[in-house]
């Protein structure tokens, strides 16, 4: 199930339906993300069901020039604009093919690195990956991004977490930096 905020519905570069099918078809070996509560502990049921993935002490402060902001107490859909903005910014940089760049930029924007997953940058035979997926577990939902030559424009969507509480299916790259 893919959900987009009303203000993003119909955006041509956010081909959510195609992305969902492509994500399932192209997810090559991705495994669980470990949920860590804001502040480093294990999430409690209350934290997991109300959001999480960022420090609860930060509050968004509206500003005309600020662009999208992290909404720590908001839903994944509330935080999709920031997630998409970060994705677009990294895609426009020289690090567009590096999964680590997306993880680092999302962490710098306030998303919890311990709640993230990312796929490999290279294939099993050493070629550049046709696409890279990355995600942030946010309560019972996931912010998921996909970029790469096979993807075209960057894609950012909200999907429901798996029954195991992960966002990507199969083996993922360890985020150990």
N, C-alpha and C. Protein backbone atom coordinates (compact mmCIF):
# COMPACT_ATOMS: atom_id res chain seq x y z
N UNK A 1 0.85 -1.17 0.00
CA UNK A 1 0.00 0.00 0.00
C UNK A 1 0.89 1.23 0.00
N UNK A 2 0.63 2.13 -0.91
CA UNK A 2 1.41 3.36 -1.02
C UNK A 2 0.48 4.51 -0.73
N UNK A 3 0.93 5.39 0.17
CA UNK A 3 0.14 6.56 0.52
C UNK A 3 0.97 7.80 0.29
N UNK A 4 0.38 8.79 -0.33
CA UNK A 4 1.05 10.06 -0.55
C UNK A 4 0.18 11.17 0.01
N UNK A 5 0.80 12.23 0.52
CA UNK A 5 0.00 13.36 0.97
C UNK A 5 -0.73 13.97 -0.22
N UNK A 6 -1.85 14.62 0.08
CA UNK A 6 -2.68 15.20 -0.98
C UNK A 6 -1.90 16.17 -1.86
N UNK A 7 -0.97 16.93 -1.25
CA UNK A 7 -0.25 17.91 -2.04
C UNK A 7 0.75 17.28 -3.00
N UNK A 8 1.02 15.97 -2.85
CA UNK A 8 1.96 15.31 -3.76
C UNK A 8 1.24 14.36 -4.71
N UNK A 9 -0.05 14.16 -4.52
CA UNK A 9 -0.79 13.25 -5.38
C UNK A 9 -0.70 13.71 -6.82
N UNK A 10 -0.42 12.77 -7.70
CA UNK A 10 -0.37 13.08 -9.11
C UNK A 10 0.95 13.69 -9.57
N UNK A 11 1.89 13.87 -8.67
CA UNK A 11 3.18 14.43 -9.08
C UNK A 11 3.82 13.46 -10.06
N UNK A 12 4.10 13.90 -11.29
CA UNK A 12 4.57 12.98 -12.31
C UNK A 12 5.88 12.30 -11.98
N UNK A 13 6.77 12.96 -11.25
CA UNK A 13 8.06 12.33 -10.98
C UNK A 13 8.02 11.39 -9.80
N UNK A 14 6.91 11.32 -9.12
CA UNK A 14 6.75 10.41 -8.00
C UNK A 14 5.83 9.27 -8.44
N UNK A 15 6.32 8.41 -9.28
CA UNK A 15 5.52 7.33 -9.83
C UNK A 15 5.40 6.23 -8.80
N UNK A 16 4.56 6.44 -7.82
CA UNK A 16 4.46 5.55 -6.66
C UNK A 16 4.05 4.14 -7.03
N UNK A 17 3.07 3.98 -7.88
CA UNK A 17 2.61 2.64 -8.23
C UNK A 17 3.70 1.85 -8.92
N UNK A 18 4.39 2.48 -9.86
CA UNK A 18 5.47 1.81 -10.56
C UNK A 18 6.59 1.51 -9.59
N UNK A 19 6.86 2.43 -8.69
CA UNK A 19 7.93 2.22 -7.72
C UNK A 19 7.65 1.02 -6.84
N UNK A 20 6.43 0.89 -6.34
CA UNK A 20 6.10 -0.21 -5.44
C UNK A 20 6.34 -1.54 -6.12
N UNK A 21 5.90 -1.67 -7.36
CA UNK A 21 6.12 -2.91 -8.09
C UNK A 21 7.61 -3.11 -8.35
N UNK A 22 8.30 -2.04 -8.73
CA UNK A 22 9.73 -2.14 -8.98
C UNK A 22 10.52 -2.45 -7.74
N UNK A 23 10.12 -1.88 -6.61
CA UNK A 23 10.82 -2.14 -5.35
C UNK A 23 10.74 -3.61 -5.00
N UNK A 24 9.56 -4.19 -5.14
CA UNK A 24 9.40 -5.61 -4.84
C UNK A 24 10.17 -6.46 -5.82
N UNK A 25 10.18 -6.06 -7.09
CA UNK A 25 10.84 -6.85 -8.11
C UNK A 25 12.36 -6.69 -8.06
N UNK A 26 12.87 -5.53 -7.66
CA UNK A 26 14.31 -5.30 -7.72
C UNK A 26 15.02 -5.42 -6.39
N UNK A 27 14.28 -5.59 -5.31
CA UNK A 27 14.92 -5.71 -4.00
C UNK A 27 15.72 -7.00 -3.98
N UNK A 28 17.03 -6.86 -4.05
CA UNK A 28 17.92 -8.00 -4.08
C UNK A 28 18.57 -8.11 -2.71
N UNK A 29 18.19 -9.07 -1.95
CA UNK A 29 18.81 -9.33 -0.67
C UNK A 29 18.81 -8.15 0.27
N UNK A 30 17.75 -7.94 0.96
CA UNK A 30 17.68 -6.85 1.93
C UNK A 30 17.19 -7.41 3.25
N UNK A 31 17.88 -7.13 4.37
CA UNK A 31 17.44 -7.65 5.65
C UNK A 31 17.15 -6.55 6.63
N UNK A 32 16.69 -6.97 7.78
CA UNK A 32 16.09 -6.12 8.79
C UNK A 32 16.87 -4.92 9.24
N UNK A 33 16.09 -3.94 9.62
CA UNK A 33 16.67 -2.79 10.28
C UNK A 33 16.36 -2.93 11.75
N UNK A 34 17.24 -2.47 12.58
CA UNK A 34 17.00 -2.55 13.99
C UNK A 34 16.37 -1.27 14.45
N UNK A 35 15.23 -1.39 15.06
CA UNK A 35 14.55 -0.20 15.54
C UNK A 35 15.23 0.31 16.79
N UNK A 36 15.61 1.55 16.79
CA UNK A 36 16.19 2.17 17.96
C UNK A 36 15.39 3.41 18.26
N UNK A 37 15.04 3.54 19.49
CA UNK A 37 14.24 4.69 19.88
C UNK A 37 15.09 5.94 19.89
N UNK A 38 14.45 7.09 19.79
CA UNK A 38 15.20 8.32 19.92
C UNK A 38 15.96 8.31 21.23
N UNK A 39 17.21 8.64 21.18
CA UNK A 39 18.04 8.62 22.37
C UNK A 39 18.82 7.33 22.48
N UNK A 40 18.61 6.35 21.56
CA UNK A 40 19.46 5.18 21.50
C UNK A 40 18.89 3.92 22.08
N UNK A 41 17.75 3.90 22.74
CA UNK A 41 17.22 2.69 23.33
C UNK A 41 16.36 1.92 22.36
N UNK A 42 15.81 0.82 22.86
CA UNK A 42 14.89 0.03 22.06
C UNK A 42 13.53 0.70 22.09
N UNK A 43 12.85 0.77 20.94
CA UNK A 43 11.58 1.46 20.94
C UNK A 43 10.56 0.76 21.82
N UNK A 44 9.77 1.52 22.49
CA UNK A 44 8.67 0.96 23.26
C UNK A 44 7.47 0.92 22.36
N UNK A 45 6.43 0.16 22.70
CA UNK A 45 5.26 0.14 21.84
C UNK A 45 4.69 1.54 21.60
N UNK A 46 4.70 2.39 22.59
CA UNK A 46 4.17 3.75 22.40
C UNK A 46 5.00 4.52 21.39
N UNK A 47 6.33 4.37 21.47
CA UNK A 47 7.18 5.08 20.52
C UNK A 47 7.00 4.52 19.12
N UNK A 48 6.89 3.21 19.00
CA UNK A 48 6.76 2.60 17.69
C UNK A 48 5.46 2.98 17.02
N UNK A 49 4.38 3.11 17.79
CA UNK A 49 3.10 3.37 17.16
C UNK A 49 2.87 4.85 16.88
N UNK A 50 3.62 5.72 17.50
CA UNK A 50 3.37 7.15 17.30
C UNK A 50 4.41 7.80 16.41
N UNK A 51 5.35 7.06 15.93
CA UNK A 51 6.39 7.67 15.10
C UNK A 51 7.72 7.27 15.64
N UNK A 52 8.62 8.15 15.66
CA UNK A 52 9.97 7.83 16.11
C UNK A 52 10.89 7.99 14.94
N UNK A 53 12.14 7.70 15.17
CA UNK A 53 13.10 7.85 14.12
C UNK A 53 13.80 9.20 14.21
N UNK A 54 13.43 10.03 15.16
CA UNK A 54 14.10 11.31 15.35
C UNK A 54 13.92 11.74 16.79
N UNK A 55 14.74 12.63 17.22
CA UNK A 55 14.66 13.12 18.58
C UNK A 55 13.35 13.85 18.82
N UNK A 56 12.66 13.48 19.89
CA UNK A 56 11.38 14.10 20.19
C UNK A 56 11.53 15.52 20.73
N UNK A 57 12.76 15.93 21.04
CA UNK A 57 12.94 17.26 21.61
C UNK A 57 12.91 18.35 20.54
N UNK A 58 13.14 17.98 19.29
CA UNK A 58 13.12 18.98 18.22
C UNK A 58 11.69 19.25 17.80
N UNK A 59 11.39 20.50 17.54
CA UNK A 59 10.07 20.89 17.07
C UNK A 59 10.21 21.66 15.77
N UNK A 60 9.35 21.37 14.81
CA UNK A 60 9.44 22.14 13.57
C UNK A 60 9.05 23.59 13.82
N UNK A 61 9.79 24.48 13.23
CA UNK A 61 9.50 25.91 13.33
C UNK A 61 9.23 26.40 11.92
N UNK A 62 8.00 26.77 11.62
CA UNK A 62 7.68 27.20 10.26
C UNK A 62 8.49 28.42 9.85
N UNK A 63 8.94 28.40 8.63
CA UNK A 63 9.68 29.52 8.06
C UNK A 63 9.48 29.48 6.55
N UNK A 64 9.32 30.63 5.95
CA UNK A 64 9.12 30.68 4.50
C UNK A 64 10.32 30.16 3.75
N UNK A 65 11.53 30.34 4.27
CA UNK A 65 12.75 29.95 3.57
C UNK A 65 13.28 28.59 4.01
N UNK A 66 12.70 27.97 5.02
CA UNK A 66 13.26 26.76 5.61
C UNK A 66 13.10 25.52 4.73
N UNK A 67 12.10 25.45 3.89
CA UNK A 67 11.84 24.24 3.13
C UNK A 67 11.22 23.19 4.05
N UNK A 68 11.19 21.94 3.62
CA UNK A 68 10.58 20.90 4.45
C UNK A 68 11.35 20.72 5.76
N UNK A 69 10.61 20.45 6.82
CA UNK A 69 11.20 20.27 8.13
C UNK A 69 10.84 18.90 8.69
N UNK A 70 11.70 18.38 9.57
CA UNK A 70 11.40 17.14 10.27
C UNK A 70 10.26 17.40 11.25
N UNK A 71 9.32 16.47 11.29
CA UNK A 71 8.19 16.55 12.22
C UNK A 71 8.31 15.35 13.15
N UNK A 72 9.08 15.47 14.25
CA UNK A 72 9.36 14.33 15.11
C UNK A 72 8.13 13.62 15.64
N UNK A 73 7.08 14.35 15.95
CA UNK A 73 5.86 13.73 16.47
C UNK A 73 4.86 13.44 15.37
N UNK A 74 5.23 13.68 14.13
CA UNK A 74 4.33 13.46 13.01
C UNK A 74 4.42 12.05 12.47
N UNK A 75 3.66 11.82 11.43
CA UNK A 75 3.63 10.51 10.77
C UNK A 75 4.72 10.45 9.70
N UNK A 76 4.86 9.28 9.11
CA UNK A 76 5.78 9.14 7.98
C UNK A 76 5.35 10.05 6.84
N UNK A 77 4.04 10.15 6.61
CA UNK A 77 3.55 11.02 5.54
C UNK A 77 3.90 12.48 5.83
N UNK A 78 3.83 12.88 7.10
CA UNK A 78 4.22 14.25 7.47
C UNK A 78 5.69 14.51 7.15
N UNK A 79 6.52 13.47 7.21
CA UNK A 79 7.96 13.63 7.00
C UNK A 79 8.41 13.28 5.59
N UNK A 80 7.47 12.87 4.74
CA UNK A 80 7.82 12.56 3.35
C UNK A 80 8.40 13.75 2.60
N UNK A 81 7.89 14.97 2.77
CA UNK A 81 8.50 16.10 2.04
C UNK A 81 9.98 16.29 2.35
N UNK A 82 10.38 16.15 3.61
CA UNK A 82 11.79 16.28 3.96
C UNK A 82 12.59 15.12 3.39
N UNK A 83 12.08 13.91 3.53
CA UNK A 83 12.75 12.72 3.00
C UNK A 83 12.97 12.87 1.49
N UNK A 84 11.94 13.30 0.78
CA UNK A 84 12.04 13.49 -0.67
C UNK A 84 13.03 14.60 -1.02
N UNK A 85 13.03 15.68 -0.25
CA UNK A 85 13.95 16.78 -0.49
C UNK A 85 15.40 16.35 -0.32
N UNK A 86 15.67 15.60 0.75
CA UNK A 86 17.02 15.09 0.98
C UNK A 86 17.43 14.16 -0.17
N UNK A 87 16.51 13.29 -0.57
CA UNK A 87 16.78 12.36 -1.67
C UNK A 87 17.13 13.14 -2.94
N UNK A 88 16.35 14.14 -3.27
CA UNK A 88 16.59 14.95 -4.46
C UNK A 88 17.93 15.68 -4.40
N UNK A 89 18.27 16.19 -3.21
CA UNK A 89 19.53 16.91 -3.03
C UNK A 89 20.73 16.00 -3.26
N UNK A 90 20.70 14.80 -2.68
CA UNK A 90 21.82 13.87 -2.87
C UNK A 90 21.87 13.41 -4.32
N UNK A 91 20.71 13.16 -4.93
CA UNK A 91 20.67 12.73 -6.33
C UNK A 91 21.30 13.78 -7.24
N UNK A 92 21.18 15.03 -6.90
CA UNK A 92 21.74 16.12 -7.71
C UNK A 92 23.23 16.32 -7.47
N UNK A 93 23.80 15.59 -6.53
CA UNK A 93 25.22 15.75 -6.18
C UNK A 93 26.09 14.72 -6.89
N UNK A 94 27.37 14.83 -6.68
CA UNK A 94 28.33 13.87 -7.23
C UNK A 94 28.27 12.51 -6.54
N UNK A 95 27.58 12.43 -5.40
CA UNK A 95 27.46 11.18 -4.65
C UNK A 95 26.17 10.44 -4.95
N UNK A 96 25.54 10.74 -6.07
CA UNK A 96 24.21 10.20 -6.39
C UNK A 96 24.14 8.68 -6.42
N UNK A 97 25.27 7.99 -6.63
CA UNK A 97 25.26 6.53 -6.71
C UNK A 97 25.78 5.87 -5.43
N UNK A 98 25.91 6.63 -4.36
CA UNK A 98 26.46 6.10 -3.11
C UNK A 98 25.36 6.01 -2.04
N UNK A 99 25.00 4.81 -1.67
CA UNK A 99 23.98 4.62 -0.65
C UNK A 99 24.32 5.33 0.65
N UNK A 100 25.60 5.31 0.99
CA UNK A 100 26.03 5.97 2.23
C UNK A 100 25.68 7.47 2.22
N UNK A 101 25.76 8.10 1.07
CA UNK A 101 25.46 9.53 0.98
C UNK A 101 24.01 9.80 1.36
N UNK A 102 23.10 8.92 0.98
CA UNK A 102 21.69 9.10 1.33
C UNK A 102 21.49 8.89 2.83
N UNK A 103 22.12 7.85 3.38
CA UNK A 103 22.02 7.58 4.82
C UNK A 103 22.57 8.76 5.61
N UNK A 104 23.75 9.24 5.24
CA UNK A 104 24.37 10.35 5.96
C UNK A 104 23.54 11.63 5.86
N UNK A 105 23.00 11.91 4.68
CA UNK A 105 22.21 13.13 4.50
C UNK A 105 20.89 13.04 5.27
N UNK A 106 20.27 11.87 5.29
CA UNK A 106 19.04 11.70 6.06
C UNK A 106 19.31 11.84 7.55
N UNK A 107 20.43 11.28 8.02
CA UNK A 107 20.80 11.42 9.43
C UNK A 107 21.07 12.89 9.77
N UNK A 108 21.74 13.60 8.88
CA UNK A 108 22.02 15.02 9.11
C UNK A 108 20.73 15.84 9.16
N UNK A 109 19.69 15.37 8.46
CA UNK A 109 18.39 16.06 8.46
C UNK A 109 17.57 15.72 9.70
N UNK A 110 18.06 14.78 10.54
CA UNK A 110 17.38 14.45 11.78
C UNK A 110 16.75 13.08 11.85
N UNK A 111 16.78 12.32 10.75
CA UNK A 111 16.24 10.96 10.78
C UNK A 111 17.19 10.05 11.55
N UNK A 112 16.64 9.06 12.24
CA UNK A 112 17.41 8.15 13.07
C UNK A 112 18.15 7.11 12.21
N UNK A 113 19.48 7.18 12.21
CA UNK A 113 20.29 6.27 11.41
C UNK A 113 20.04 4.81 11.80
N UNK A 114 19.78 4.55 13.07
CA UNK A 114 19.54 3.18 13.51
C UNK A 114 18.24 2.60 12.96
N UNK A 115 17.36 3.45 12.45
CA UNK A 115 16.09 3.00 11.89
C UNK A 115 16.16 2.90 10.36
N UNK A 116 17.37 2.99 9.80
CA UNK A 116 17.54 3.00 8.35
C UNK A 116 18.02 1.66 7.81
N UNK A 117 17.74 1.45 6.53
CA UNK A 117 18.27 0.34 5.75
C UNK A 117 18.73 0.92 4.41
N UNK A 118 19.71 0.26 3.80
CA UNK A 118 20.19 0.68 2.48
C UNK A 118 20.70 -0.56 1.74
N UNK A 119 20.51 -0.58 0.43
CA UNK A 119 21.01 -1.68 -0.38
C UNK A 119 22.44 -1.40 -0.81
N UNK A 120 23.04 -2.39 -1.44
CA UNK A 120 24.42 -2.30 -1.90
C UNK A 120 24.54 -1.32 -3.07
N UNK A 121 25.70 -0.69 -3.19
CA UNK A 121 26.00 0.23 -4.29
C UNK A 121 26.47 -0.52 -5.54
N UNK A 122 26.96 -1.73 -5.35
CA UNK A 122 27.50 -2.52 -6.46
C UNK A 122 26.83 -3.90 -6.48
N UNK A 123 26.80 -4.48 -7.66
CA UNK A 123 26.22 -5.82 -7.82
C UNK A 123 27.20 -6.87 -7.32
N UNK A 124 26.77 -8.11 -7.32
CA UNK A 124 27.63 -9.20 -6.87
C UNK A 124 28.81 -9.43 -7.80
N UNK A 125 28.77 -8.89 -9.02
CA UNK A 125 29.90 -9.02 -9.94
C UNK A 125 30.71 -7.74 -10.05
N UNK A 126 30.42 -6.78 -9.17
CA UNK A 126 31.22 -5.56 -9.11
C UNK A 126 30.76 -4.41 -9.98
N UNK A 127 29.63 -4.54 -10.63
CA UNK A 127 29.10 -3.43 -11.43
C UNK A 127 28.30 -2.48 -10.55
N UNK A 128 28.20 -1.24 -10.99
CA UNK A 128 27.37 -0.28 -10.26
C UNK A 128 25.94 -0.79 -10.24
N UNK A 129 25.28 -0.62 -9.10
CA UNK A 129 23.90 -1.07 -8.97
C UNK A 129 23.01 -0.30 -9.92
N UNK A 130 22.03 -0.99 -10.49
CA UNK A 130 21.05 -0.34 -11.37
C UNK A 130 20.13 0.57 -10.58
N UNK A 131 19.92 0.23 -9.31
CA UNK A 131 19.14 1.09 -8.42
C UNK A 131 19.59 0.83 -6.99
N UNK A 132 19.41 1.84 -6.18
CA UNK A 132 19.72 1.76 -4.75
C UNK A 132 18.43 2.11 -4.02
N UNK A 133 18.10 1.32 -3.01
CA UNK A 133 16.95 1.62 -2.16
C UNK A 133 17.47 1.94 -0.76
N UNK A 134 16.78 2.83 -0.09
CA UNK A 134 17.11 3.20 1.28
C UNK A 134 15.81 3.53 1.98
N UNK A 135 15.82 3.36 3.30
CA UNK A 135 14.55 3.54 4.02
C UNK A 135 14.80 4.01 5.44
N UNK A 136 13.73 4.55 6.02
CA UNK A 136 13.69 4.91 7.43
C UNK A 136 12.39 4.32 8.00
N UNK A 137 12.53 3.46 9.00
CA UNK A 137 11.36 2.93 9.69
C UNK A 137 10.80 4.04 10.57
N UNK A 138 9.50 4.32 10.42
CA UNK A 138 8.86 5.39 11.18
C UNK A 138 7.57 4.84 11.74
N UNK A 139 7.61 4.36 12.98
CA UNK A 139 6.44 3.72 13.57
C UNK A 139 6.12 2.45 12.81
N UNK A 140 4.91 2.33 12.32
CA UNK A 140 4.49 1.16 11.55
C UNK A 140 4.65 1.37 10.04
N UNK A 141 5.22 2.48 9.65
CA UNK A 141 5.39 2.81 8.24
C UNK A 141 6.87 2.99 7.91
N UNK A 142 7.12 3.12 6.62
CA UNK A 142 8.48 3.30 6.14
C UNK A 142 8.52 4.41 5.11
N UNK A 143 9.51 5.25 5.22
CA UNK A 143 9.86 6.20 4.17
C UNK A 143 10.87 5.46 3.30
N UNK A 144 10.58 5.28 2.04
CA UNK A 144 11.44 4.50 1.16
C UNK A 144 11.81 5.34 -0.05
N UNK A 145 13.11 5.32 -0.38
CA UNK A 145 13.60 6.01 -1.55
C UNK A 145 14.26 5.04 -2.50
N UNK A 146 14.21 5.35 -3.78
CA UNK A 146 14.90 4.56 -4.79
C UNK A 146 15.49 5.51 -5.81
N UNK A 147 16.76 5.28 -6.13
CA UNK A 147 17.47 6.09 -7.11
C UNK A 147 18.33 5.16 -7.97
N UNK A 148 18.74 5.65 -9.10
CA UNK A 148 19.66 4.89 -9.94
C UNK A 148 19.28 5.00 -11.40
N UNK A 149 20.17 4.54 -12.27
CA UNK A 149 19.91 4.65 -13.70
C UNK A 149 18.65 3.90 -14.13
N UNK A 150 18.32 2.80 -13.49
CA UNK A 150 17.11 2.05 -13.86
C UNK A 150 15.84 2.70 -13.32
N UNK A 151 15.99 3.64 -12.40
CA UNK A 151 14.84 4.28 -11.77
C UNK A 151 14.41 5.54 -12.49
N UNK A 152 15.35 6.23 -13.09
CA UNK A 152 15.04 7.54 -13.67
C UNK A 152 15.11 8.58 -12.58
N UNK A 153 14.09 9.40 -12.47
CA UNK A 153 14.05 10.41 -11.41
C UNK A 153 13.96 9.73 -10.04
N UNK A 154 14.50 10.36 -9.00
CA UNK A 154 14.40 9.80 -7.65
C UNK A 154 12.93 9.59 -7.27
N UNK A 155 12.70 8.55 -6.49
CA UNK A 155 11.36 8.23 -6.02
C UNK A 155 11.39 8.18 -4.50
N UNK A 156 10.39 8.75 -3.86
CA UNK A 156 10.25 8.70 -2.40
C UNK A 156 8.78 8.46 -2.08
N UNK A 157 8.51 7.42 -1.30
CA UNK A 157 7.13 7.06 -0.96
C UNK A 157 7.06 6.62 0.49
N UNK A 158 5.84 6.50 0.98
CA UNK A 158 5.57 5.90 2.28
C UNK A 158 4.88 4.57 2.03
N UNK A 159 5.38 3.51 2.65
CA UNK A 159 4.76 2.19 2.58
C UNK A 159 4.64 1.65 4.00
N UNK A 160 3.80 0.65 4.16
CA UNK A 160 3.65 0.00 5.46
C UNK A 160 4.85 -0.91 5.70
N UNK A 161 5.35 -0.92 6.94
CA UNK A 161 6.47 -1.80 7.31
C UNK A 161 6.03 -3.26 7.15
N UNK A 162 7.01 -4.14 6.98
CA UNK A 162 6.71 -5.57 6.90
C UNK A 162 6.24 -6.07 8.26
N UNK A 163 5.71 -7.27 8.28
CA UNK A 163 5.28 -7.86 9.55
C UNK A 163 6.45 -8.03 10.51
N UNK A 164 7.67 -8.14 9.97
CA UNK A 164 8.87 -8.26 10.80
C UNK A 164 9.35 -6.91 11.31
N UNK A 165 8.70 -5.84 10.90
CA UNK A 165 9.08 -4.51 11.35
C UNK A 165 10.25 -3.92 10.59
N UNK A 166 10.43 -4.34 9.34
CA UNK A 166 11.48 -3.80 8.49
C UNK A 166 10.84 -3.08 7.31
N UNK A 167 11.67 -2.40 6.55
CA UNK A 167 11.17 -1.67 5.39
C UNK A 167 11.54 -2.35 4.08
N UNK A 168 12.74 -2.84 3.98
CA UNK A 168 13.21 -3.49 2.77
C UNK A 168 13.29 -4.99 3.01
N UNK A 169 13.07 -5.76 1.97
CA UNK A 169 13.01 -7.21 2.08
C UNK A 169 14.31 -7.82 1.56
N UNK A 170 14.90 -8.72 2.33
CA UNK A 170 16.12 -9.41 1.92
C UNK A 170 17.33 -8.87 2.66
N UNK A 171 18.49 -9.01 2.03
CA UNK A 171 19.76 -8.62 2.67
C UNK A 171 20.10 -7.17 2.34
N UNK A 172 20.40 -6.39 3.36
CA UNK A 172 20.82 -5.01 3.16
C UNK A 172 22.26 -4.82 3.61
N UNK A 173 22.80 -3.70 3.25
CA UNK A 173 24.15 -3.32 3.63
C UNK A 173 24.17 -2.90 5.09
N UNK A 174 25.14 -3.37 5.87
CA UNK A 174 25.22 -2.90 7.27
C UNK A 174 25.52 -1.40 7.29
N UNK A 175 24.82 -0.69 8.16
CA UNK A 175 25.10 0.74 8.35
C UNK A 175 25.93 0.81 9.62
N UNK A 176 27.25 0.67 9.43
CA UNK A 176 28.17 0.56 10.56
C UNK A 176 29.19 1.69 10.61
N UNK A 177 28.83 2.79 10.06
CA UNK A 177 29.71 3.96 10.09
C UNK A 177 29.11 5.07 10.90
